[in-house]
Protein backbone atom coordinates (compact mmCIF):
# COMPACT_ATOMS: atom_id res chain seq x y z
CA MET A 1 -100.40 -39.14 119.10
CA ILE A 2 -100.95 -35.39 118.92
CA LEU A 3 -97.69 -33.44 118.96
CA ARG A 4 -97.70 -30.33 121.11
CA PHE A 5 -94.92 -27.84 120.48
CA ASN A 6 -93.52 -25.48 123.04
CA GLY A 7 -90.84 -22.89 122.98
CA ALA A 8 -88.03 -25.44 123.13
CA SER A 9 -89.31 -27.44 120.28
CA ILE A 10 -89.80 -24.29 118.17
CA ARG A 11 -86.13 -23.48 118.84
CA GLN A 12 -85.19 -26.99 117.72
CA LEU A 13 -87.07 -26.54 114.48
CA LYS A 14 -85.15 -23.31 113.87
CA VAL A 15 -81.93 -25.23 114.46
CA PHE A 16 -83.01 -27.89 112.01
CA LYS A 17 -84.09 -25.30 109.36
CA SER A 18 -80.61 -23.58 109.74
CA VAL A 19 -78.84 -26.92 109.50
CA VAL A 20 -80.65 -27.75 106.25
CA GLU A 21 -80.00 -24.39 104.77
CA HIS A 22 -76.27 -24.55 105.56
CA SER A 23 -76.08 -28.27 104.49
CA GLY A 24 -74.64 -29.48 107.68
CA PHE A 25 -73.98 -29.00 111.39
CA SER A 26 -70.53 -27.44 111.15
CA ALA A 27 -71.63 -24.71 108.61
CA ALA A 28 -74.63 -23.86 110.73
CA GLN A 29 -72.51 -23.04 113.97
CA VAL A 30 -71.80 -19.53 112.88
CA GLY A 31 -75.36 -18.59 111.98
CA LEU A 32 -76.70 -20.11 115.11
CA ASN A 33 -73.81 -18.93 117.34
CA THR A 34 -73.54 -22.29 119.05
CA SER A 35 -71.39 -25.41 118.97
CA ALA A 36 -71.74 -28.45 116.73
CA ALA A 37 -72.32 -30.52 119.96
CA SER A 38 -75.26 -28.32 120.99
CA ILE A 39 -76.71 -28.55 117.54
CA SER A 40 -76.39 -32.38 117.54
CA ILE A 41 -78.19 -32.56 120.92
CA GLN A 42 -81.13 -30.33 119.77
CA MET A 43 -81.36 -32.30 116.49
CA LYS A 44 -81.51 -35.57 118.37
CA GLU A 45 -84.26 -34.28 120.76
CA LEU A 46 -86.26 -33.00 117.76
CA GLU A 47 -86.12 -36.34 116.08
CA GLU A 48 -87.24 -38.17 119.23
CA ARG A 49 -90.12 -35.66 119.62
CA LEU A 50 -91.20 -36.27 116.07
CA GLY A 51 -90.50 -40.01 116.09
CA MET A 52 -88.60 -39.94 112.83
CA THR A 53 -84.98 -39.57 111.41
CA LEU A 54 -84.70 -36.16 109.73
CA CYS A 55 -81.22 -36.42 108.29
CA GLU A 56 -78.26 -38.77 107.87
CA ARG A 57 -74.83 -37.54 109.05
CA GLY A 58 -71.50 -39.09 109.24
CA ARG A 59 -68.51 -39.72 107.03
CA THR A 60 -70.51 -39.49 103.92
CA GLY A 61 -71.77 -36.04 104.91
CA PHE A 62 -75.07 -34.44 105.58
CA LYS A 63 -78.16 -35.70 103.79
CA LEU A 64 -81.86 -35.13 104.35
CA THR A 65 -84.19 -38.13 104.59
CA GLU A 66 -87.45 -37.98 102.55
CA ARG A 67 -89.33 -37.30 105.82
CA GLY A 68 -86.75 -34.69 106.80
CA ARG A 69 -87.31 -32.83 103.50
CA ALA A 70 -91.08 -32.75 104.15
CA VAL A 71 -90.54 -31.55 107.79
CA TYR A 72 -88.22 -28.72 106.44
CA GLU A 73 -90.79 -27.59 103.95
CA ALA A 74 -93.45 -27.57 106.76
CA ALA A 75 -91.02 -25.61 109.05
CA LYS A 76 -90.48 -23.05 106.36
CA SER A 77 -94.22 -22.47 106.05
CA LEU A 78 -94.54 -22.29 109.89
CA PHE A 79 -91.86 -19.55 110.21
CA ALA A 80 -93.19 -17.68 107.22
CA SER A 81 -96.58 -17.70 108.96
CA PHE A 82 -94.87 -16.29 112.18
CA ASP A 83 -93.28 -13.61 110.08
CA ASN A 84 -96.63 -12.73 108.36
CA PHE A 85 -98.41 -12.66 111.75
CA ASN A 86 -95.82 -10.28 113.17
CA LEU A 87 -96.14 -8.06 110.13
CA GLU A 88 -100.01 -8.09 110.39
CA VAL A 89 -99.75 -7.08 114.07
CA ALA A 90 -97.26 -4.29 113.19
CA ASN A 91 -99.64 -3.00 110.46
CA ILE A 92 -102.53 -2.96 112.98
CA ARG A 93 -100.30 -1.08 115.44
CA GLU A 94 -98.84 1.08 112.65
CA GLU A 95 -95.36 0.12 113.46
CA LEU A 96 -92.47 0.54 111.02
CA ILE A 97 -90.79 -2.88 111.03
CA GLY A 98 -89.70 -5.53 108.54
CA GLU A 99 -87.83 -5.40 105.28
CA ILE A 100 -88.31 -3.20 102.19
CA TYR A 101 -87.12 -4.74 98.96
CA MET A 102 -86.62 -2.52 95.97
CA GLY A 103 -85.00 -2.53 92.50
CA ILE A 104 -83.46 0.51 90.90
CA GLN A 105 -82.01 1.44 87.53
CA ASP A 106 -78.19 1.50 87.40
CA ASN A 107 -76.23 4.82 87.65
CA VAL A 108 -79.20 7.03 88.59
CA SER A 109 -77.87 8.39 91.94
CA SER A 110 -76.19 11.46 90.40
CA ASN A 111 -79.44 12.58 88.75
CA PRO A 112 -80.43 15.67 90.82
CA SER A 113 -84.10 14.90 90.02
CA PHE A 114 -83.99 11.67 91.84
CA LYS A 115 -84.92 12.41 95.42
CA MET A 116 -84.11 9.00 97.04
CA PRO A 117 -81.62 10.41 99.47
CA GLN A 118 -84.19 12.88 100.77
CA THR A 119 -86.69 9.93 100.99
CA PHE A 120 -84.41 7.91 103.17
CA ALA A 121 -83.72 10.91 105.41
CA GLN A 122 -87.42 11.67 105.81
CA PHE A 123 -88.40 8.07 106.40
CA ASN A 124 -85.61 7.68 109.00
CA GLN A 125 -86.82 10.61 111.05
CA ARG A 126 -89.47 8.17 112.38
CA LYS A 127 -88.59 5.52 114.87
CA ASN A 128 -88.36 2.27 112.94
CA ASN A 129 -86.82 -1.11 112.69
CA VAL A 130 -86.70 -1.48 108.99
CA GLN A 131 -83.97 -3.10 106.80
CA PHE A 132 -83.65 -1.92 103.24
CA ARG A 133 -82.61 -4.34 100.49
CA ILE A 134 -81.82 -2.60 97.27
CA GLU A 135 -80.71 -4.18 94.01
CA GLU A 136 -79.71 -2.60 90.73
CA ALA A 137 -81.50 -4.41 87.98
CA ALA A 138 -82.60 -4.14 84.34
CA SER A 139 -86.09 -2.87 83.62
CA SER A 140 -87.39 -6.31 82.56
CA ASP A 141 -86.00 -7.89 85.77
CA GLN A 142 -87.54 -5.19 87.91
CA GLU A 143 -90.94 -5.80 86.42
CA ALA A 144 -90.68 -9.62 86.73
CA ARG A 145 -89.41 -9.41 90.27
CA THR A 146 -92.05 -6.97 91.29
CA LEU A 147 -94.84 -9.21 89.86
CA GLU A 148 -93.34 -12.16 91.70
CA GLY A 149 -93.52 -10.25 94.93
CA ARG A 150 -89.73 -10.22 95.40
CA TYR A 151 -89.60 -6.42 95.19
CA HIS A 152 -92.08 -4.23 97.05
CA LEU A 153 -91.30 -1.44 94.55
CA ALA A 154 -88.86 -0.71 91.67
CA ILE A 155 -87.72 2.49 89.98
CA GLY A 156 -86.58 2.69 86.32
CA ILE A 157 -87.40 3.27 82.77
CA PHE A 158 -90.28 1.14 81.51
CA HIS A 159 -91.59 1.40 77.96
CA HIS A 160 -94.12 -1.42 78.43
CA ARG A 161 -97.15 -1.36 80.60
CA LEU A 162 -97.86 -4.72 82.22
CA PRO A 163 -101.39 -5.14 83.47
CA GLY A 164 -100.29 -6.59 86.81
CA LEU A 165 -98.36 -3.45 87.70
CA THR A 166 -99.07 0.14 88.54
CA TYR A 167 -96.76 2.82 87.12
CA GLN A 168 -96.24 6.18 88.79
CA LYS A 169 -93.96 8.74 87.14
CA LEU A 170 -91.34 10.19 89.52
CA PHE A 171 -88.95 12.36 87.43
CA ASP A 172 -87.36 12.88 84.07
CA GLU A 173 -83.79 12.26 82.97
CA GLY A 174 -82.08 14.40 80.32
CA VAL A 175 -80.40 12.42 77.54
CA SER A 176 -78.32 13.30 74.48
CA LEU A 177 -76.24 11.47 71.83
CA PHE A 178 -72.58 11.54 72.84
CA CYS A 179 -69.16 10.72 71.55
CA ALA A 180 -65.83 10.84 73.27
CA LYS A 181 -62.31 12.10 72.61
CA GLY A 182 -60.67 10.11 69.85
CA HIS A 183 -63.82 9.71 67.91
CA PRO A 184 -63.73 11.17 64.32
CA LEU A 185 -66.68 13.50 65.09
CA PHE A 186 -65.29 14.82 68.44
CA ASP A 187 -63.08 17.65 67.00
CA ILE A 188 -65.53 18.67 64.22
CA PRO A 189 -67.57 21.81 65.01
CA ASP A 190 -71.25 21.19 65.62
CA ASP A 191 -72.25 23.25 62.51
CA LYS A 192 -70.19 20.93 60.36
CA ILE A 193 -71.75 17.73 61.59
CA SER A 194 -74.90 16.27 59.84
CA LEU A 195 -77.36 13.56 60.65
CA LYS A 196 -75.75 11.46 57.94
CA ASP A 197 -72.35 11.76 59.57
CA ILE A 198 -73.80 10.38 62.80
CA GLN A 199 -75.72 7.63 61.08
CA GLN A 200 -72.48 6.45 59.62
CA ALA A 201 -70.77 6.12 63.02
CA ARG A 202 -70.62 2.93 65.10
CA PHE A 203 -73.44 2.98 67.55
CA ALA A 204 -73.59 1.57 71.11
CA SER A 205 -76.90 1.09 72.75
CA THR A 206 -78.73 -0.52 75.65
CA GLY A 207 -82.02 -0.25 73.68
CA LEU A 208 -83.66 1.08 76.78
CA ILE A 209 -83.05 4.81 76.38
CA GLN A 210 -83.45 4.77 72.60
CA ASN A 211 -86.76 3.12 72.84
CA ALA A 212 -87.99 5.57 75.49
CA LEU A 213 -86.64 8.70 73.86
CA SER A 214 -88.89 10.42 71.36
CA THR A 215 -86.12 12.38 69.75
CA SER A 216 -84.38 9.08 68.81
CA LYS A 217 -86.43 9.10 65.70
CA TYR A 218 -83.67 11.27 64.18
CA PHE A 219 -81.25 8.39 64.75
CA THR A 220 -82.52 4.96 63.69
CA LYS A 221 -79.22 3.15 63.18
CA LYS A 222 -79.16 -0.46 64.41
CA PRO A 223 -76.55 -0.88 67.19
CA ASP A 224 -73.05 -2.09 66.54
CA ALA A 225 -72.59 -2.79 70.18
CA ILE A 226 -75.10 -3.69 72.89
CA ALA A 227 -74.52 -3.15 76.66
CA GLU A 228 -76.60 -3.93 79.63
CA SER A 229 -75.76 -0.80 81.70
CA MET A 230 -74.83 2.79 81.46
CA ASP A 231 -71.49 1.95 82.95
CA ALA A 232 -70.83 -0.37 80.11
CA ILE A 233 -72.02 2.20 77.53
CA SER A 234 -69.62 4.71 78.98
CA LEU A 235 -66.68 2.31 78.36
CA LEU A 236 -67.77 1.92 74.78
CA LEU A 237 -68.03 5.65 74.23
CA LEU A 238 -64.66 6.47 75.93
CA SER A 239 -62.98 4.05 73.48
CA GLY A 240 -63.43 6.78 70.85
CA GLN A 241 -65.11 4.25 68.52
CA TYR A 242 -68.81 4.65 69.17
CA VAL A 243 -71.62 7.25 69.64
CA GLY A 244 -74.45 6.46 71.97
CA PHE A 245 -77.41 7.84 73.89
CA PHE A 246 -76.23 8.70 77.42
CA PRO A 247 -77.76 10.55 80.48
CA ASN A 248 -76.47 14.15 80.67
CA HIS A 249 -75.92 13.96 84.43
CA LEU A 250 -73.50 11.06 83.86
CA ALA A 251 -71.79 12.73 80.93
CA ASN A 252 -71.14 15.97 82.80
CA THR A 253 -68.00 14.64 84.51
CA TRP A 254 -66.48 13.64 81.23
CA ILE A 255 -67.52 16.84 79.56
CA GLU A 256 -65.82 18.89 82.21
CA ARG A 257 -62.63 16.90 81.54
CA GLY A 258 -62.87 17.58 77.83
CA GLN A 259 -63.54 13.88 77.08
CA MET A 260 -67.09 13.81 75.86
CA LYS A 261 -69.43 16.08 73.84
CA SER A 262 -73.01 15.78 72.68
CA LEU A 263 -73.81 15.51 69.03
CA LEU A 264 -76.60 17.71 67.41
CA PRO A 265 -78.29 18.16 70.88
CA GLU A 266 -81.00 20.25 69.13
CA LYS A 267 -82.21 17.04 67.42
CA THR A 268 -80.90 14.25 69.50
CA ALA A 269 -81.39 15.54 73.11
CA GLY A 270 -84.53 14.69 74.91
CA LYS A 271 -85.92 13.14 78.23
CA VAL A 272 -86.80 9.84 79.43
CA GLU A 273 -89.31 9.15 82.21
CA PHE A 274 -88.52 7.24 85.37
CA HIS A 275 -91.47 5.45 87.04
CA MET A 276 -91.99 3.68 90.29
CA ILE A 277 -93.77 0.31 89.85
CA THR A 278 -95.61 -1.70 92.40
CA LYS A 279 -97.77 -4.87 92.13
CA ARG A 280 -101.41 -3.94 91.33
CA ALA A 281 -103.90 -4.50 93.95
CA ASN A 282 -101.30 -5.61 96.47
CA ARG A 283 -101.77 -4.77 100.08
CA HIS A 284 -98.33 -3.34 101.25
CA PRO A 285 -96.99 -3.69 104.77
CA TYR A 286 -97.32 -0.44 106.77
CA ALA A 287 -93.64 0.23 106.53
CA VAL A 288 -93.65 -0.14 102.76
CA GLU A 289 -96.69 2.07 102.35
CA THR A 290 -95.14 4.75 104.48
CA PHE A 291 -91.82 4.66 102.53
CA ILE A 292 -93.79 4.96 99.25
CA GLN A 293 -95.70 7.98 100.60
CA ASP A 294 -92.36 9.57 101.48
CA LEU A 295 -90.98 8.86 98.09
CA LEU A 296 -93.84 10.47 96.31
CA ALA A 297 -93.84 13.43 98.63
CA CYS A 298 -90.14 14.04 98.07
CA HIS A 299 -90.85 14.10 94.33
CA ASN A 300 -93.80 16.52 94.95
CA ILE A 301 -96.34 13.92 93.73
CA GLU A 302 -99.64 13.52 95.41
CA ASN A 303 -100.40 9.96 96.51
CA LYS A 304 -103.52 8.77 94.74
């Protein structure tokens, strides 16, 4: 028997998919905005249409049958195909719809060279139905997730060049070696501080900035503390126990409060480069391509 699906059966498949992803009828009610009784009826009709039991439900809880698991995987593929079809049609019609996934480096919003706010403003001057999904992530995670296709683009500091990605420089970030109030070097005048003094201090590092900063050759000490983010580095610095490389735009607030100072900036200060990465040879949805064009334009970069 050849099964022929209509609008009602497609809706039943959507109900089934939601039930599976919520692990039961009751939990699926909110997402589907319907009652458990209605869900039960639609599930029964779907099972009758398919001629198989998709799940077991009762006092023991919800459990997919082996055939139910196979139907669920097929349903996922079906709805993914619908989504891809809609995006393809939107691309043909040059409509701005869908989702844009991106990863960014942590604590970069206060850098005046980062023109993301202007990019959002420019993009949203157009009529669109786009949902942005933005995650802060470490550089290695950004690269992995962009290669996997989870991110359409990512922005951060990358000191490797993976063959499956394209790298486009967007802006620079000024960086110096800092200590905070309470540190033995904080109250010593700059002309009385030597590189030897700094090398003897406890050092906090993410590794990220130090590896990307050419002037870090003047400071080669192995870290005494390792942190995953600039926020964590700031906590270590503010303890008064460590020195560490830190973005100038983030340090400015603490400098104004008299709680941080740079150490030998003529030798330790420098710049790190922020790049946008995308998957190489990947055809982006029209909305993503338009957003990337706006991002490059706001950073005064010609799109190649």
